Amino acid sequence: WPFQTAVSTTLAPDYYEVIKDPVDLASVRARLTPRAGAPPHYNSLDQFLADLLRMCENCRVYNGDNNEYYDCAVRLEAFVRKKVGEVSVSRVPVDGTRPESGG
């Protein structure tokens, strides 16, 4: 299944010449894993989403259309966008107070 790990140059020798900003699910997972003393890689849902969408776009660019990899990228992007649309984010002001409800 595509996307799980970095693209192998054995399978796609020119991949890193074509794709200048590669990303895969193993990289995303590593970026989500806290490291002692290091700031988080993702500071927002938008940054996380950007990596996932770039991964799909990279796949489409490299593979072109009308193949199983392209189709996987299209389906994965649709799934990600649907799930993100279901996420409700509660924003808390910087000072830590809760916003008043405007009932």
Protein backbone atom coordinates (compact mmCIF):
# COMPACT_ATOMS: atom_id res chain seq x y z
CA TRP A 1 0.00 0.00 0.00
CA PRO A 2 1.42 3.40 -0.89
CA PHE A 3 2.11 6.17 1.61
CA GLN A 4 3.19 4.00 4.55
CA THR A 5 6.93 4.62 4.21
CA ALA A 6 9.27 6.79 2.17
CA VAL A 7 9.36 6.02 -1.54
CA SER A 8 12.17 3.62 -2.39
CA THR A 9 14.66 4.77 -5.01
CA THR A 10 14.91 1.13 -6.03
CA LEU A 11 11.28 1.25 -7.15
CA ALA A 12 11.29 4.89 -8.30
CA PRO A 13 14.88 5.98 -9.04
CA ASP A 14 13.97 9.55 -10.04
CA TYR A 15 11.34 10.18 -7.35
CA TYR A 16 13.43 12.63 -5.33
CA GLU A 17 14.40 14.52 -8.47
CA VAL A 18 10.73 15.03 -9.32
CA ILE A 19 9.35 15.45 -5.78
CA LYS A 20 11.26 18.07 -3.83
CA ASP A 21 9.23 17.97 -0.60
CA PRO A 22 8.41 14.30 0.05
CA VAL A 23 6.27 13.12 2.94
CA ASP A 24 4.87 9.72 3.97
CA LEU A 25 2.84 8.34 6.86
CA ALA A 26 5.93 7.16 8.74
CA SER A 27 7.26 10.73 8.64
CA VAL A 28 3.92 12.12 9.79
CA ARG A 29 3.80 9.56 12.61
CA ALA A 30 7.32 10.54 13.70
CA ARG A 31 6.34 14.21 13.63
CA LEU A 32 3.36 13.43 15.88
CA THR A 33 5.53 11.59 18.42
CA PRO A 34 6.75 13.93 21.16
CA ARG A 35 10.52 14.09 21.62
CA ALA A 36 12.00 15.06 24.95
CA GLY A 37 12.96 18.73 24.98
CA ALA A 38 11.89 19.33 21.39
CA PRO A 39 8.96 21.52 20.39
CA PRO A 40 6.11 19.79 18.58
CA HIS A 41 6.43 19.64 14.81
CA TYR A 42 2.75 20.38 14.21
CA ASN A 43 1.45 23.49 15.91
CA SER A 44 -1.95 23.34 14.27
CA LEU A 45 -4.36 21.03 12.53
CA ASP A 46 -3.65 22.99 9.34
CA GLN A 47 0.04 22.02 9.43
CA PHE A 48 -0.84 18.36 9.92
CA LEU A 49 -3.39 18.50 7.13
CA ALA A 50 -0.90 20.22 4.81
CA ASP A 51 1.49 17.26 5.15
CA LEU A 52 -1.23 14.73 4.38
CA LEU A 53 -2.48 16.69 1.37
CA ARG A 54 1.07 17.21 0.08
CA MET A 55 1.63 13.46 0.32
CA CYS A 56 -1.42 12.88 -1.90
CA GLU A 57 -0.41 15.62 -4.33
CA ASN A 58 3.14 14.24 -4.58
CA CYS A 59 1.69 10.85 -5.47
CA ARG A 60 -0.51 12.31 -8.20
CA VAL A 61 2.30 14.43 -9.63
CA TYR A 62 4.80 11.60 -9.75
CA ASN A 63 2.50 8.84 -10.97
CA GLY A 64 0.19 10.76 -13.27
CA ASP A 65 -3.43 9.76 -13.60
CA ASN A 66 -5.16 6.55 -14.64
CA ASN A 67 -3.31 4.20 -12.29
CA GLU A 68 -3.82 2.61 -8.89
CA TYR A 69 -1.49 5.02 -7.06
CA TYR A 70 -3.30 8.07 -8.38
CA ASP A 71 -6.62 6.51 -7.40
CA CYS A 72 -5.33 5.77 -3.89
CA ALA A 73 -4.20 9.39 -3.51
CA VAL A 74 -7.60 10.69 -4.61
CA ARG A 75 -9.46 8.38 -2.22
CA LEU A 76 -7.13 9.12 0.70
CA GLU A 77 -7.42 12.87 0.19
CA ALA A 78 -11.22 12.65 0.08
CA PHE A 79 -11.18 10.59 3.30
CA VAL A 80 -8.86 13.07 5.05
CA ARG A 81 -10.92 16.07 3.99
CA LYS A 82 -14.12 14.36 5.18
CA LYS A 83 -12.61 13.51 8.57
CA VAL A 84 -11.20 17.02 9.02
CA GLY A 85 -14.64 18.40 8.27
CA GLU A 86 -15.96 16.34 11.18
CA VAL A 87 -13.42 17.77 13.65
CA SER A 88 -14.66 20.43 16.02
CA VAL A 89 -11.92 22.54 17.56
CA SER A 90 -12.62 24.50 20.71
CA ARG A 91 -10.49 27.62 20.82
CA VAL A 92 -9.31 28.93 24.18
CA PRO A 93 -8.01 32.51 24.43
CA VAL A 94 -4.31 32.93 25.10
CA ASP A 95 -5.01 34.23 28.62
CA GLY A 96 -6.64 30.88 29.47
CA THR A 97 -10.14 32.24 30.14
CA ARG A 98 -13.15 30.63 28.57
CA PRO A 99 -15.11 32.72 26.07
CA GLU A 100 -18.53 33.79 27.33
CA SER A 101 -21.46 32.16 25.63
CA GLY A 102 -23.58 34.64 23.80
CA GLY A 103 -26.96 33.05 24.58
